[in-house]
């Protein structure tokens, strides 16, 4: 019983927290919507399908890695 308690405490206290940051090139997962939207996910005004049907320009941005430059650019492009 004591062993189970110790293992539970070790597991809970030993788990690192998420450390997402703009200032590094570490992998943060697929959370560019959170970087770009400052924590909010806002859908586009019109869909890509509507844009193509109306022959209006559409801007698609693909982030290929979690580099510092991509993280900072995601905020710039969303403004």
Protein backbone atom coordinates (compact mmCIF):
# COMPACT_ATOMS: atom_id res chain seq x y z
CA UNK A 1 0.00 0.00 0.00
CA UNK A 2 2.85 2.36 0.84
CA UNK A 3 4.53 1.48 -2.44
CA UNK A 4 1.37 2.39 -4.37
CA UNK A 5 1.18 5.72 -2.53
CA UNK A 6 4.84 6.49 -3.23
CA UNK A 7 4.51 5.58 -6.89
CA UNK A 8 1.40 7.74 -7.19
CA UNK A 9 3.17 10.73 -5.63
CA UNK A 10 6.23 10.19 -7.79
CA UNK A 11 4.07 10.03 -10.92
CA UNK A 12 2.04 13.14 -10.07
CA UNK A 13 4.96 15.26 -8.87
CA UNK A 14 7.39 14.03 -11.49
CA UNK A 15 5.24 14.96 -14.47
CA UNK A 16 6.62 18.10 -16.13
CA UNK A 17 4.24 20.91 -16.97
CA UNK A 18 3.76 22.15 -20.52
CA UNK A 19 6.30 24.82 -21.34
CA UNK A 20 5.21 26.43 -24.60
CA UNK A 21 7.11 29.56 -25.53
CA UNK A 22 7.61 31.91 -28.47
CA UNK A 23 11.29 32.26 -27.70
CA UNK A 24 12.57 28.80 -28.54
CA UNK A 25 12.56 26.16 -31.24
CA UNK A 26 11.17 23.39 -29.06
CA UNK A 27 8.23 21.29 -30.21
CA UNK A 28 4.99 22.55 -28.68
CA UNK A 29 2.53 20.45 -30.64
CA UNK A 30 -0.06 21.68 -33.08
CA UNK A 31 -1.14 24.80 -31.22
CA UNK A 32 -0.51 27.54 -33.77
CA UNK A 33 -4.18 28.50 -33.59
CA UNK A 34 -3.58 29.41 -29.96
CA UNK A 35 -0.45 31.41 -30.76
CA UNK A 36 -2.08 33.24 -33.66
CA UNK A 37 -5.39 33.86 -31.93
CA UNK A 38 -3.85 34.74 -28.58
CA UNK A 39 -5.70 31.87 -26.94
CA UNK A 40 -8.92 32.08 -28.94
CA UNK A 41 -9.91 30.12 -31.99
CA UNK A 42 -11.90 32.31 -34.38
CA UNK A 43 -13.25 30.82 -37.61
CA UNK A 44 -12.65 32.69 -40.88
CA UNK A 45 -15.35 35.01 -42.19
CA UNK A 46 -15.86 32.90 -45.31
CA UNK A 47 -14.77 29.37 -46.13
CA UNK A 48 -12.14 28.47 -48.69
CA UNK A 49 -14.87 26.96 -50.85
CA UNK A 50 -16.83 30.25 -50.84
CA UNK A 51 -13.70 32.21 -51.61
CA UNK A 52 -12.91 30.03 -54.62
CA UNK A 53 -16.50 30.12 -55.88
CA UNK A 54 -16.59 33.94 -55.64
CA UNK A 55 -13.13 34.15 -57.26
CA UNK A 56 -11.81 36.08 -54.27
CA UNK A 57 -8.20 35.74 -53.14
CA UNK A 58 -7.51 33.43 -50.23
CA UNK A 59 -4.38 33.25 -48.13
CA UNK A 60 -3.33 29.84 -46.84
CA UNK A 61 -0.45 29.64 -44.40
CA UNK A 62 1.24 26.34 -43.58
CA UNK A 63 3.58 26.04 -40.63
CA UNK A 64 6.10 23.29 -41.26
CA UNK A 65 7.86 23.28 -37.90
CA UNK A 66 7.82 24.72 -34.40
CA UNK A 67 10.63 27.18 -34.97
CA UNK A 68 10.69 30.53 -33.19
CA UNK A 69 10.16 32.33 -36.51
CA UNK A 70 6.99 30.37 -37.30
CA UNK A 71 5.60 31.02 -33.84
CA UNK A 72 6.15 34.77 -34.11
CA UNK A 73 4.86 34.88 -37.70
CA UNK A 74 1.61 33.18 -36.70
CA UNK A 75 0.70 36.23 -34.61
CA UNK A 76 1.69 38.64 -37.40
CA UNK A 77 -0.29 36.87 -40.12
CA UNK A 78 -3.46 36.71 -38.03
CA UNK A 79 -3.69 40.49 -37.54
